[in-house]
Amino acid sequence: MPSKTKLGDLLKRYRTNCMLTQQQVADALNINRTTYTYYETGKTEPSIETLHKLVQIFNITYEDLLPSVDDNYVKDSFISSRTNQAIYNLSKDEQQILISRRALSPEKQKELDEFIANLK
């Protein structure tokens, strides 16, 4: 029987695979690091709005957060499909810009992209 993975375990796995600290994710969510730590440890669960932001920050789908799939499948498929997308090749400042952008709404992302394009 497949083992089920808890949401907190998945959040930790996706965060570490993206080479992000809890503080970086908390900053992108505009929450205290302790609050984010509670998500990973299972003390509390994120709101739907926060889950939406986490999906964007980790560049995953909502289905990736469903704990009803085989643990090894989640681990193997996530790592193999996301390895080339990890942001560990970026500086800390570049990482923060990227995770902050991912936390924005699509409309705000477009505005930011247009602003950056106009800087060139």
PDB file of N, CA and C in Angstrom:
ATOM      1  N   MET A   1       0.852  -1.184   0.000  1.00  0.00           N
ATOM      2  CA  MET A   1       0.000   0.000   0.000  1.00  0.00           C
ATOM      3  C   MET A   1       0.892   1.240   0.000  1.00  0.00           C
ATOM      4  N   PRO A   2       0.596   2.217  -0.874  1.00  0.00           N
ATOM      5  CA  PRO A   2       1.426   3.413  -0.927  1.00  0.00           C
ATOM      6  C   PRO A   2       1.347   4.210   0.366  1.00  0.00           C
ATOM      7  N   SER A   3       2.472   4.808   0.749  1.00  0.00           N
ATOM      8  CA  SER A   3       2.456   5.663   1.929  1.00  0.00           C
ATOM      9  C   SER A   3       1.935   7.043   1.543  1.00  0.00           C
ATOM     10  N   LYS A   4       1.245   7.665   2.480  1.00  0.00           N
ATOM     11  CA  LYS A   4       0.717   9.004   2.222  1.00  0.00           C
ATOM     12  C   LYS A   4       1.665  10.031   2.813  1.00  0.00           C
ATOM     13  N   THR A   5       1.848  11.095   2.089  1.00  0.00           N
ATOM     14  CA  THR A   5       2.738  12.156   2.522  1.00  0.00           C
ATOM     15  C   THR A   5       1.905  13.308   3.060  1.00  0.00           C
ATOM     16  N   LYS A   6       2.302  13.834   4.201  1.00  0.00           N
ATOM     17  CA  LYS A   6       1.596  14.956   4.795  1.00  0.00           C
ATOM     18  C   LYS A   6       1.971  16.248   4.086  1.00  0.00           C
ATOM     19  N   LEU A   7       1.061  17.208   4.144  1.00  0.00           N
ATOM     20  CA  LEU A   7       1.280  18.493   3.493  1.00  0.00           C
ATOM     21  C   LEU A   7       2.575  19.146   3.966  1.00  0.00           C
ATOM     22  N   GLY A   8       2.823  19.141   5.252  1.00  0.00           N
ATOM     23  CA  GLY A   8       4.033  19.751   5.784  1.00  0.00           C
ATOM     24  C   GLY A   8       5.299  19.133   5.213  1.00  0.00           C
ATOM     25  N   ASP A   9       5.289  17.800   5.078  1.00  0.00           N
ATOM     26  CA  ASP A   9       6.440  17.112   4.498  1.00  0.00           C
ATOM     27  C   ASP A   9       6.647  17.520   3.042  1.00  0.00           C
ATOM     28  N   LEU A  10       5.545  17.659   2.325  1.00  0.00           N
ATOM     29  CA  LEU A  10       5.647  18.086   0.924  1.00  0.00           C
ATOM     30  C   LEU A  10       6.180  19.503   0.817  1.00  0.00           C
ATOM     31  N   LEU A  11       5.685  20.404   1.668  1.00  0.00           N
ATOM     32  CA  LEU A  11       6.162  21.780   1.643  1.00  0.00           C
ATOM     33  C   LEU A  11       7.662  21.830   1.907  1.00  0.00           C
ATOM     34  N   LYS A  12       8.113  21.059   2.876  1.00  0.00           N
ATOM     35  CA  LYS A  12       9.541  21.040   3.188  1.00  0.00           C
ATOM     36  C   LYS A  12      10.334  20.489   2.007  1.00  0.00           C
ATOM     37  N   ARG A  13       9.848  19.421   1.413  1.00  0.00           N
ATOM     38  CA  ARG A  13      10.549  18.810   0.280  1.00  0.00           C
ATOM     39  C   ARG A  13      10.654  19.789  -0.883  1.00  0.00           C
ATOM     40  N   TYR A  14       9.548  20.463  -1.220  1.00  0.00           N
ATOM     41  CA  TYR A  14       9.575  21.400  -2.345  1.00  0.00           C
ATOM     42  C   TYR A  14      10.464  22.602  -2.025  1.00  0.00           C
ATOM     43  N   ARG A  15      10.407  23.093  -0.792  1.00  0.00           N
ATOM     44  CA  ARG A  15      11.242  24.223  -0.403  1.00  0.00           C
ATOM     45  C   ARG A  15      12.719  23.866  -0.493  1.00  0.00           C
ATOM     46  N   THR A  16      13.086  22.724   0.054  1.00  0.00           N
ATOM     47  CA  THR A  16      14.501  22.349   0.040  1.00  0.00           C
ATOM     48  C   THR A  16      14.967  22.025  -1.375  1.00  0.00           C
ATOM     49  N   ASN A  17      14.104  21.452  -2.184  1.00  0.00           N
ATOM     50  CA  ASN A  17      14.490  21.175  -3.564  1.00  0.00           C
ATOM     51  C   ASN A  17      14.742  22.468  -4.334  1.00  0.00           C
ATOM     52  N   CYS A  18      14.013  23.522  -3.979  1.00  0.00           N
ATOM     53  CA  CYS A  18      14.224  24.832  -4.610  1.00  0.00           C
ATOM     54  C   CYS A  18      15.387  25.576  -3.965  1.00  0.00           C
ATOM     55  N   MET A  19      16.031  24.938  -2.975  1.00  0.00           N
ATOM     56  CA  MET A  19      17.180  25.523  -2.274  1.00  0.00           C
ATOM     57  C   MET A  19      16.809  26.849  -1.601  1.00  0.00           C
ATOM     58  N   LEU A  20      15.627  26.882  -1.007  1.00  0.00           N
ATOM     59  CA  LEU A  20      15.157  28.075  -0.301  1.00  0.00           C
ATOM     60  C   LEU A  20      15.164  27.806   1.195  1.00  0.00           C
ATOM     61  N   THR A  21      15.374  28.858   1.960  1.00  0.00           N
ATOM     62  CA  THR A  21      15.280  28.748   3.404  1.00  0.00           C
ATOM     63  C   THR A  21      13.836  29.003   3.826  1.00  0.00           C
ATOM     64  N   GLN A  22      13.525  28.602   5.041  1.00  0.00           N
ATOM     65  CA  GLN A  22      12.192  28.911   5.576  1.00  0.00           C
ATOM     66  C   GLN A  22      11.999  30.421   5.624  1.00  0.00           C
ATOM     67  N   GLN A  23      13.040  31.149   5.955  1.00  0.00           N
ATOM     68  CA  GLN A  23      12.938  32.608   6.036  1.00  0.00           C
ATOM     69  C   GLN A  23      12.628  33.214   4.673  1.00  0.00           C
ATOM     70  N   GLN A  24      13.249  32.715   3.608  1.00  0.00           N
ATOM     71  CA  GLN A  24      12.983  33.248   2.275  1.00  0.00           C
ATOM     72  C   GLN A  24      11.522  33.031   1.881  1.00  0.00           C
ATOM     73  N   VAL A  25      11.010  31.842   2.162  1.00  0.00           N
ATOM     74  CA  VAL A  25       9.617  31.558   1.831  1.00  0.00           C
ATOM     75  C   VAL A  25       8.695  32.419   2.686  1.00  0.00           C
ATOM     76  N   ALA A  26       8.992  32.515   3.963  1.00  0.00           N
ATOM     77  CA  ALA A  26       8.171  33.346   4.860  1.00  0.00           C
ATOM     78  C   ALA A  26       8.165  34.798   4.394  1.00  0.00           C
ATOM     79  N   ASP A  27       9.326  35.305   3.990  1.00  0.00           N
ATOM     80  CA  ASP A  27       9.399  36.683   3.501  1.00  0.00           C
ATOM     81  C   ASP A  27       8.543  36.866   2.257  1.00  0.00           C
ATOM     82  N   ALA A  28       8.575  35.901   1.350  1.00  0.00           N
ATOM     83  CA  ALA A  28       7.771  35.992   0.131  1.00  0.00           C
ATOM     84  C   ALA A  28       6.275  35.954   0.441  1.00  0.00           C
ATOM     85  N   LEU A  29       5.923  35.266   1.519  1.00  0.00           N
ATOM     86  CA  LEU A  29       4.515  35.168   1.934  1.00  0.00           C
ATOM     87  C   LEU A  29       4.095  36.318   2.848  1.00  0.00           C
ATOM     88  N   ASN A  30       5.050  37.133   3.264  1.00  0.00           N
ATOM     89  CA  ASN A  30       4.802  38.214   4.216  1.00  0.00           C
ATOM     90  C   ASN A  30       4.258  37.689   5.542  1.00  0.00           C
ATOM     91  N   ILE A  31       4.896  36.605   6.011  1.00  0.00           N
ATOM     92  CA  ILE A  31       4.525  36.033   7.304  1.00  0.00           C
ATOM     93  C   ILE A  31       5.792  35.827   8.119  1.00  0.00           C
ATOM     94  N   ASN A  32       5.626  35.533   9.400  1.00  0.00           N
ATOM     95  CA  ASN A  32       6.736  35.245  10.277  1.00  0.00           C
ATOM     96  C   ASN A  32       7.299  33.869   9.933  1.00  0.00           C
ATOM     97  N   ARG A  33       8.609  33.693  10.085  1.00  0.00           N
ATOM     98  CA  ARG A  33       9.215  32.394   9.799  1.00  0.00           C
ATOM     99  C   ARG A  33       8.605  31.298  10.667  1.00  0.00           C
ATOM    100  N   THR A  34       8.295  31.615  11.909  1.00  0.00           N
ATOM    101  CA  THR A  34       7.689  30.627  12.801  1.00  0.00           C
ATOM    102  C   THR A  34       6.366  30.123  12.240  1.00  0.00           C
ATOM    103  N   THR A  35       5.589  31.010  11.672  1.00  0.00           N
ATOM    104  CA  THR A  35       4.308  30.614  11.073  1.00  0.00           C
ATOM    105  C   THR A  35       4.551  29.618   9.951  1.00  0.00           C
ATOM    106  N   TYR A  36       5.536  29.920   9.102  1.00  0.00           N
ATOM    107  CA  TYR A  36       5.839  28.981   8.010  1.00  0.00           C
ATOM    108  C   TYR A  36       6.342  27.649   8.571  1.00  0.00           C
ATOM    109  N   THR A  37       7.166  27.698   9.614  1.00  0.00           N
ATOM    110  CA  THR A  37       7.671  26.469  10.228  1.00  0.00           C
ATOM    111  C   THR A  37       6.514  25.602  10.716  1.00  0.00           C
ATOM    112  N   TYR A  38       5.478  26.236  11.245  1.00  0.00           N
ATOM    113  CA  TYR A  38       4.298  25.500  11.694  1.00  0.00           C
ATOM    114  C   TYR A  38       3.620  24.767  10.535  1.00  0.00           C
ATOM    115  N   TYR A  39       3.659  25.344   9.351  1.00  0.00           N
ATOM    116  CA  TYR A  39       3.095  24.659   8.179  1.00  0.00           C
ATOM    117  C   TYR A  39       3.873  23.374   7.904  1.00  0.00           C
ATOM    118  N   GLU A  40       5.189  23.472   7.949  1.00  0.00           N
ATOM    119  CA  GLU A  40       6.020  22.308   7.641  1.00  0.00           C
ATOM    120  C   GLU A  40       5.950  21.238   8.723  1.00  0.00           C
ATOM    121  N   THR A  41       5.746  21.644   9.972  1.00  0.00           N
ATOM    122  CA  THR A  41       5.694  20.668  11.058  1.00  0.00           C
ATOM    123  C   THR A  41       4.282  20.135  11.288  1.00  0.00           C
ATOM    124  N   GLY A  42       3.298  20.727  10.626  1.00  0.00           N
ATOM    125  CA  GLY A  42       1.932  20.254  10.762  1.00  0.00           C
ATOM    126  C   GLY A  42       1.177  20.832  11.939  1.00  0.00           C
ATOM    127  N   LYS A  43       1.772  21.816  12.629  1.00  0.00           N
ATOM    128  CA  LYS A  43       1.059  22.444  13.746  1.00  0.00           C
ATOM    129  C   LYS A  43      -0.146  23.227  13.260  1.00  0.00           C
ATOM    130  N   THR A  44       0.006  23.884  12.108  1.00  0.00           N
ATOM    131  CA  THR A  44      -1.105  24.599  11.489  1.00  0.00           C
ATOM    132  C   THR A  44      -1.060  24.334   9.991  1.00  0.00           C
ATOM    133  N   GLU A  45      -2.133  24.688   9.331  1.00  0.00           N
ATOM    134  CA  GLU A  45      -2.183  24.528   7.880  1.00  0.00           C
ATOM    135  C   GLU A  45      -2.364  25.896   7.235  1.00  0.00           C
ATOM    136  N   PRO A  46      -1.743  26.081   6.076  1.00  0.00           N
ATOM    137  CA  PRO A  46      -1.874  27.369   5.389  1.00  0.00           C
ATOM    138  C   PRO A  46      -3.279  27.570   4.852  1.00  0.00           C
ATOM    139  N   SER A  47      -3.651  28.833   4.722  1.00  0.00           N
ATOM    140  CA  SER A  47      -4.949  29.158   4.125  1.00  0.00           C
ATOM    141  C   SER A  47      -4.898  28.858   2.635  1.00  0.00           C
ATOM    142  N   ILE A  48      -6.052  28.890   1.999  1.00  0.00           N
ATOM    143  CA  ILE A  48      -6.121  28.667   0.556  1.00  0.00           C
ATOM    144  C   ILE A  48      -5.287  29.721  -0.173  1.00  0.00           C
ATOM    145  N   GLU A  49      -5.369  30.962   0.276  1.00  0.00           N
ATOM    146  CA  GLU A  49      -4.590  32.040  -0.349  1.00  0.00           C
ATOM    147  C   GLU A  49      -3.092  31.770  -0.224  1.00  0.00           C
ATOM    148  N   THR A  50      -2.678  31.311   0.953  1.00  0.00           N
ATOM    149  CA  THR A  50      -1.266  31.004   1.161  1.00  0.00           C
ATOM    150  C   THR A  50      -0.842  29.809   0.321  1.00  0.00           C
ATOM    151  N   LEU A  51      -1.690  28.796   0.224  1.00  0.00           N
ATOM    152  CA  LEU A  51      -1.381  27.652  -0.639  1.00  0.00           C
ATOM    153  C   LEU A  51      -1.194  28.096  -2.081  1.00  0.00           C
ATOM    154  N   HIS A  52      -2.035  29.008  -2.514  1.00  0.00           N
ATOM    155  CA  HIS A  52      -1.916  29.531  -3.876  1.00  0.00           C
ATOM    156  C   HIS A  52      -0.543  30.174  -4.082  1.00  0.00           C
ATOM    157  N   LYS A  53      -0.110  30.953  -3.113  1.00  0.00           N
ATOM    158  CA  LYS A  53       1.202  31.597  -3.214  1.00  0.00           C
ATOM    159  C   LYS A  53       2.329  30.565  -3.180  1.00  0.00           C
ATOM    160  N   LEU A  54       2.190  29.540  -2.333  1.00  0.00           N
ATOM    161  CA  LEU A  54       3.216  28.501  -2.248  1.00  0.00           C
ATOM    162  C   LEU A  54       3.363  27.750  -3.563  1.00  0.00           C
ATOM    163  N   VAL A  55       2.233  27.470  -4.202  1.00  0.00           N
ATOM    164  CA  VAL A  55       2.264  26.802  -5.509  1.00  0.00           C
ATOM    165  C   VAL A  55       3.061  27.641  -6.496  1.00  0.00           C
ATOM    166  N   GLN A  56       2.868  28.947  -6.451  1.00  0.00           N
ATOM    167  CA  GLN A  56       3.594  29.838  -7.351  1.00  0.00           C
ATOM    168  C   GLN A  56       5.070  29.911  -6.993  1.00  0.00           C
ATOM    169  N   ILE A  57       5.371  30.032  -5.714  1.00  0.00           N
ATOM    170  CA  ILE A  57       6.759  30.150  -5.263  1.00  0.00           C
ATOM    171  C   ILE A  57       7.561  28.905  -5.636  1.00  0.00           C
ATOM    172  N   PHE A  58       6.983  27.727  -5.414  1.00  0.00           N
ATOM    173  CA  PHE A  58       7.690  26.483  -5.690  1.00  0.00           C
ATOM    174  C   PHE A  58       7.564  26.035  -7.144  1.00  0.00           C
ATOM    175  N   ASN A  59       6.775  26.775  -7.926  1.00  0.00           N
ATOM    176  CA  ASN A  59       6.586  26.448  -9.342  1.00  0.00           C
ATOM    177  C   ASN A  59       6.046  25.025  -9.503  1.00  0.00           C
ATOM    178  N   ILE A  60       4.986  24.733  -8.741  1.00  0.00           N
ATOM    179  CA  ILE A  60       4.353  23.417  -8.758  1.00  0.00           C
ATOM    180  C   ILE A  60       2.867  23.601  -9.039  1.00  0.00           C
ATOM    181  N   THR A  61       2.140  22.497  -9.095  1.00  0.00           N
ATOM    182  CA  THR A  61       0.695  22.544  -9.276  1.00  0.00           C
ATOM    183  C   THR A  61       0.012  22.204  -7.944  1.00  0.00           C
ATOM    184  N   TYR A  62      -1.273  22.462  -7.878  1.00  0.00           N
ATOM    185  CA  TYR A  62      -2.025  22.095  -6.674  1.00  0.00           C
ATOM    186  C   TYR A  62      -1.988  20.582  -6.478  1.00  0.00           C
ATOM    187  N   GLU A  63      -2.000  19.839  -7.570  1.00  0.00           N
ATOM    188  CA  GLU A  63      -1.965  18.385  -7.490  1.00  0.00           C
ATOM    189  C   GLU A  63      -0.684  17.894  -6.811  1.00  0.00           C
ATOM    190  N   ASP A  64       0.394  18.660  -6.960  1.00  0.00           N
ATOM    191  CA  ASP A  64       1.652  18.288  -6.314  1.00  0.00           C
ATOM    192  C   ASP A  64       1.537  18.309  -4.798  1.00  0.00           C
ATOM    193  N   LEU A  65       0.564  19.029  -4.269  1.00  0.00           N
ATOM    194  CA  LEU A  65       0.391  19.125  -2.824  1.00  0.00           C
ATOM    195  C   LEU A  65      -0.608  18.116  -2.267  1.00  0.00           C
ATOM    196  N   LEU A  66      -1.225  17.327  -3.134  1.00  0.00           N
ATOM    197  CA  LEU A  66      -2.171  16.326  -2.651  1.00  0.00           C
ATOM    198  C   LEU A  66      -1.406  15.190  -1.976  1.00  0.00           C
ATOM    199  N   PRO A  67      -1.693  14.922  -0.716  1.00  0.00           N
ATOM    200  CA  PRO A  67      -0.935  13.904   0.020  1.00  0.00           C
ATOM    201  C   PRO A  67      -1.408  12.472  -0.218  1.00  0.00           C
ATOM    202  N   SER A  68      -2.219  12.245  -1.242  1.00  0.00           N
ATOM    203  CA  SER A  68      -2.775  10.911  -1.433  1.00  0.00           C
ATOM    204  C   SER A  68      -2.039  10.084  -2.479  1.00  0.00           C
ATOM    205  N   VAL A  69      -0.847  10.495  -2.836  1.00  0.00           N
ATOM    206  CA  VAL A  69      -0.089   9.731  -3.816  1.00  0.00           C
ATOM    207  C   VAL A  69       1.102   9.062  -3.153  1.00  0.00           C
ATOM    208  N   ASP A  70       1.679   8.099  -3.816  1.00  0.00           N
ATOM    209  CA  ASP A  70       2.814   7.364  -3.289  1.00  0.00           C
ATOM    210  C   ASP A  70       3.985   8.309  -3.014  1.00  0.00           C
ATOM    211  N   ASP A  71       4.547   8.198  -1.821  1.00  0.00           N
ATOM    212  CA  ASP A  71       5.632   9.076  -1.392  1.00  0.00           C
ATOM    213  C   ASP A  71       6.826   9.026  -2.338  1.00  0.00           C
ATOM    214  N   ASN A  72       7.249   7.856  -2.747  1.00  0.00           N
ATOM    215  CA  ASN A  72       8.403   7.744  -3.636  1.00  0.00           C
ATOM    216  C   ASN A  72       8.094   8.341  -5.004  1.00  0.00           C
ATOM    217  N   TYR A  73       6.863   8.180  -5.463  1.00  0.00           N
ATOM    218  CA  TYR A  73       6.496   8.767  -6.751  1.00  0.00           C
ATOM    219  C   TYR A  73       6.607  10.287  -6.692  1.00  0.00           C
ATOM    220  N   VAL A  74       6.092  10.879  -5.629  1.00  0.00           N
ATOM    221  CA  VAL A  74       6.159  12.338  -5.484  1.00  0.00           C
ATOM    222  C   VAL A  74       7.609  12.781  -5.467  1.00  0.00           C
ATOM    223  N   LYS A  75       8.403  12.139  -4.656  1.00  0.00           N
ATOM    224  CA  LYS A  75       9.810  12.520  -4.525  1.00  0.00           C
ATOM    225  C   LYS A  75      10.536  12.385  -5.865  1.00  0.00           C
ATOM    226  N   ASP A  76      10.433  11.232  -6.492  1.00  0.00           N
ATOM    227  CA  ASP A  76      11.155  10.987  -7.738  1.00  0.00           C
ATOM    228  C   ASP A  76      10.679  11.871  -8.878  1.00  0.00           C
ATOM    229  N   SER A  77       9.362  11.999  -9.028  1.00  0.00           N
ATOM    230  CA  SER A  77       8.851  12.782 -10.146  1.00  0.00           C
ATOM    231  C   SER A  77       9.125  14.263  -9.955  1.00  0.00           C
ATOM    232  N   PHE A  78       9.021  14.748  -8.721  1.00  0.00           N
ATOM    233  CA  PHE A  78       9.293  16.165  -8.493  1.00  0.00           C
ATOM    234  C   PHE A  78      10.757  16.480  -8.749  1.00  0.00           C
ATOM    235  N   ILE A  79      11.626  15.695  -8.178  1.00  0.00           N
ATOM    236  CA  ILE A  79      13.061  15.977  -8.322  1.00  0.00           C
ATOM    237  C   ILE A  79      13.489  15.860  -9.776  1.00  0.00           C
ATOM    238  N   SER A  80      13.026  14.842 -10.480  1.00  0.00           N
ATOM    239  CA  SER A  80      13.462  14.696 -11.865  1.00  0.00           C
ATOM    240  C   SER A  80      12.898  15.774 -12.764  1.00  0.00           C
ATOM    241  N   SER A  81      11.680  16.235 -12.510  1.00  0.00           N
ATOM    242  CA  SER A  81      11.081  17.241 -13.383  1.00  0.00           C
ATOM    243  C   SER A  81      11.496  18.654 -13.012  1.00  0.00           C
ATOM    244  N   ARG A  82      11.948  18.869 -11.788  1.00  0.00           N
ATOM    245  CA  ARG A  82      12.255  20.212 -11.342  1.00  0.00           C
ATOM    246  C   ARG A  82      13.753  20.490 -11.185  1.00  0.00           C
ATOM    247  N   THR A  83      14.589  19.475 -11.311  1.00  0.00           N
ATOM    248  CA  THR A  83      16.015  19.663 -11.055  1.00  0.00           C
ATOM    249  C   THR A  83      16.599  20.784 -11.884  1.00  0.00           C
ATOM    250  N   ASN A  84      16.262  20.846 -13.158  1.00  0.00           N
ATOM    251  CA  ASN A  84      16.816  21.883 -14.017  1.00  0.00           C
ATOM    252  C   ASN A  84      16.209  23.252 -13.741  1.00  0.00           C
ATOM    253  N   GLN A  85      15.127  23.293 -12.976  1.00  0.00           N
ATOM    254  CA  GLN A  85      14.470  24.557 -12.699  1.00  0.00           C
ATOM    255  C   GLN A  85      14.845  25.129 -11.334  1.00  0.00           C
ATOM    256  N   ALA A  86      15.657  24.410 -10.568  1.00  0.00           N
ATOM    257  CA  ALA A  86      16.026  24.898  -9.244  1.00  0.00           C
ATOM    258  C   ALA A  86      16.713  26.248  -9.376  1.00  0.00           C
ATOM    259  N   ILE A  87      16.484  27.091  -8.388  1.00  0.00           N
ATOM    260  CA  ILE A  87      17.026  28.443  -8.487  1.00  0.00           C
ATOM    261  C   ILE A  87      18.330  28.593  -7.708  1.00  0.00           C
ATOM    262  N   TYR A  88      18.994  27.462  -7.447  1.00  0.00           N
ATOM    263  CA  TYR A  88      20.230  27.533  -6.673  1.00  0.00           C
ATOM    264  C   TYR A  88      21.375  28.163  -7.431  1.00  0.00           C
ATOM    265  N   ASN A  89      21.277  28.329  -8.734  1.00  0.00           N
ATOM    266  CA  ASN A  89      22.331  28.968  -9.511  1.00  0.00           C
ATOM    267  C   ASN A  89      22.266  30.484  -9.425  1.00  0.00           C
ATOM    268  N   LEU A  90      21.268  31.004  -8.774  1.00  0.00           N
ATOM    269  CA  LEU A  90      21.089  32.442  -8.654  1.00  0.00           C
ATOM    270  C   LEU A  90      21.651  32.943  -7.336  1.00  0.00           C
ATOM    271  N   SER A  91      21.995  34.230  -7.303  1.00  0.00           N
ATOM    272  CA  SER A  91      22.425  34.834  -6.044  1.00  0.00           C
ATOM    273  C   SER A  91      21.231  34.907  -5.096  1.00  0.00           C
ATOM    274  N   LYS A  92      21.493  35.169  -3.837  1.00  0.00           N
ATOM    275  CA  LYS A  92      20.408  35.289  -2.848  1.00  0.00           C
ATOM    276  C   LYS A  92      19.435  36.403  -3.238  1.00  0.00           C
ATOM    277  N   ASP A  93      19.955  37.530  -3.724  1.00  0.00           N
ATOM    278  CA  ASP A  93      19.089  38.633  -4.153  1.00  0.00           C
ATOM    279  C   ASP A  93      18.222  38.215  -5.335  1.00  0.00           C
ATOM    280  N   GLU A  94      18.816  37.501  -6.292  1.00  0.00           N
ATOM    281  CA  GLU A  94      18.051  37.045  -7.457  1.00  0.00           C
ATOM    282  C   GLU A  94      16.991  36.025  -7.047  1.00  0.00           C
ATOM    283  N   GLN A  95      17.337  35.149  -6.104  1.00  0.00           N
ATOM    284  CA  GLN A  95      16.358  34.186  -5.593  1.00  0.00           C
ATOM    285  C   GLN A  95      15.173  34.909  -4.964  1.00  0.00           C
ATOM    286  N   GLN A  96      15.468  35.930  -4.163  1.00  0.00           N
ATOM    287  CA  GLN A  96      14.403  36.664  -3.477  1.00  0.00           C
ATOM    288  C   GLN A  96      13.492  37.367  -4.484  1.00  0.00           C
ATOM    289  N   ILE A  97      14.075  37.927  -5.525  1.00  0.00           N
ATOM    290  CA  ILE A  97      13.273  38.573  -6.566  1.00  0.00           C
ATOM    291  C   ILE A  97      12.359  37.549  -7.230  1.00  0.00           C
ATOM    292  N   LEU A  98      12.899  36.390  -7.547  1.00  0.00           N
ATOM    293  CA  LEU A  98      12.107  35.369  -8.219  1.00  0.00           C
ATOM    294  C   LEU A  98      10.967  34.850  -7.341  1.00  0.00           C
ATOM    295  N   ILE A  99      11.255  34.531  -6.088  1.00  0.00           N
ATOM    296  CA  ILE A  99      10.175  34.001  -5.246  1.00  0.00           C
ATOM    297  C   ILE A  99       9.147  35.077  -4.927  1.00  0.00           C
ATOM    298  N   SER A 100       9.592  36.324  -4.841  1.00  0.00           N
ATOM    299  CA  SER A 100       8.632  37.411  -4.623  1.00  0.00           C
ATOM    300  C   SER A 100       7.737  37.580  -5.842  1.00  0.00           C
ATOM    301  N   ARG A 101       8.299  37.476  -7.043  1.00  0.00           N
ATOM    302  CA  ARG A 101       7.507  37.579  -8.272  1.00  0.00           C
ATOM    303  C   ARG A 101       6.485  36.453  -8.338  1.00  0.00           C
ATOM    304  N   ARG A 102       6.916  35.234  -7.999  1.00  0.00           N
ATOM    305  CA  ARG A 102       6.015  34.082  -8.058  1.00  0.00           C
ATOM    306  C   ARG A 102       4.839  34.229  -7.090  1.00  0.00           C
ATOM    307  N   ALA A 103       5.023  34.978  -6.022  1.00  0.00           N
ATOM    308  CA  ALA A 103       3.956  35.160  -5.035  1.00  0.00           C
ATOM    309  C   ALA A 103       2.926  36.199  -5.463  1.00  0.00           C
ATOM    310  N   LEU A 104       3.235  36.947  -6.513  1.00  0.00           N
ATOM    311  CA  LEU A 104       2.305  37.971  -7.005  1.00  0.00           C
ATOM    312  C   LEU A 104       1.167  37.349  -7.806  1.00  0.00           C
ATOM    313  N   SER A 105       0.075  38.083  -7.918  1.00  0.00           N
ATOM    314  CA  SER A 105      -1.022  37.656  -8.789  1.00  0.00           C
ATOM    315  C   SER A 105      -0.549  37.740 -10.237  1.00  0.00           C
ATOM    316  N   PRO A 106      -1.203  37.027 -11.156  1.00  0.00           N
ATOM    317  CA  PRO A 106      -0.797  37.111 -12.569  1.00  0.00           C
ATOM    318  C   PRO A 106      -0.799  38.541 -13.105  1.00  0.00           C
ATOM    319  N   GLU A 107      -1.749  39.335 -12.651  1.00  0.00           N
ATOM    320  CA  GLU A 107      -1.815  40.724 -13.110  1.00  0.00           C
ATOM    321  C   GLU A 107      -0.595  41.520 -12.634  1.00  0.00           C
ATOM    322  N   LYS A 108      -0.239  41.318 -11.361  1.00  0.00           N
ATOM    323  CA  LYS A 108       0.916  42.032 -10.805  1.00  0.00           C
ATOM    324  C   LYS A 108       2.215  41.535 -11.437  1.00  0.00           C
ATOM    325  N   GLN A 109       2.273  40.242 -11.762  1.00  0.00           N
ATOM    326  CA  GLN A 109       3.452  39.711 -12.446  1.00  0.00           C
ATOM    327  C   GLN A 109       3.620  40.396 -13.805  1.00  0.00           C
ATOM    328  N   LYS A 110       2.515  40.573 -14.507  1.00  0.00           N
ATOM    329  CA  LYS A 110       2.566  41.225 -15.811  1.00  0.00           C
ATOM    330  C   LYS A 110       3.034  42.673 -15.668  1.00  0.00           C
ATOM    331  N   GLU A 111       2.509  43.370 -14.668  1.00  0.00           N
ATOM    332  CA  GLU A 111       2.932  44.751 -14.424  1.00  0.00           C
ATOM    333  C   GLU A 111       4.430  44.812 -14.126  1.00  0.00           C
ATOM    334  N   LEU A 112       4.904  43.896 -13.301  1.00  0.00           N
ATOM    335  CA  LEU A 112       6.326  43.864 -12.966  1.00  0.00           C
ATOM    336  C   LEU A 112       7.166  43.569 -14.205  1.00  0.00           C
ATOM    337  N   ASP A 113       6.731  42.609 -15.000  1.00  0.00           N
ATOM    338  CA  ASP A 113       7.454  42.269 -16.227  1.00  0.00           C
ATOM    339  C   ASP A 113       7.533  43.463 -17.175  1.00  0.00           C
ATOM    340  N   GLU A 114       6.426  44.187 -17.306  1.00  0.00           N
ATOM    341  CA  GLU A 114       6.412  45.371 -18.169  1.00  0.00           C
ATOM    342  C   GLU A 114       7.328  46.452 -17.617  1.00  0.00           C
ATOM    343  N   PHE A 115       7.325  46.619 -16.301  1.00  0.00           N
ATOM    344  CA  PHE A 115       8.206  47.609 -15.670  1.00  0.00           C
ATOM    345  C   PHE A 115       9.668  47.273 -15.962  1.00  0.00           C
ATOM    346  N   ILE A 116      10.018  45.995 -15.783  1.00  0.00           N
ATOM    347  CA  ILE A 116      11.394  45.568 -16.029  1.00  0.00           C
ATOM    348  C   ILE A 116      11.758  45.734 -17.497  1.00  0.00           C
ATOM    349  N   ALA A 117      10.837  45.405 -18.385  1.00  0.00           N
ATOM    350  CA  ALA A 117      11.094  45.561 -19.824  1.00  0.00           C
ATOM    351  C   ALA A 117      11.369  47.025 -20.175  1.00  0.00           C
ATOM    352  N   ASN A 118      10.676  47.933 -19.518  1.00  0.00           N
ATOM    353  CA  ASN A 118      10.871  49.363 -19.774  1.00  0.00           C
ATOM    354  C   ASN A 118      12.196  49.898 -19.240  1.00  0.00           C
ATOM    355  N   LEU A 119      12.823  49.155 -18.322  1.00  0.00           N
ATOM    356  CA  LEU A 119      14.112  49.573 -17.768  1.00  0.00           C
ATOM    357  C   LEU A 119      15.260  49.328 -18.752  1.00  0.00           C
ATOM    358  N   LYS A 120      15.050  48.417 -19.668  1.00  0.00           N
ATOM    359  CA  LYS A 120      16.133  48.040 -20.598  1.00  0.00           C
ATOM    360  C   LYS A 120      16.473  49.131 -21.562  1.00  0.00           C
TER     361      LYS A 120
END
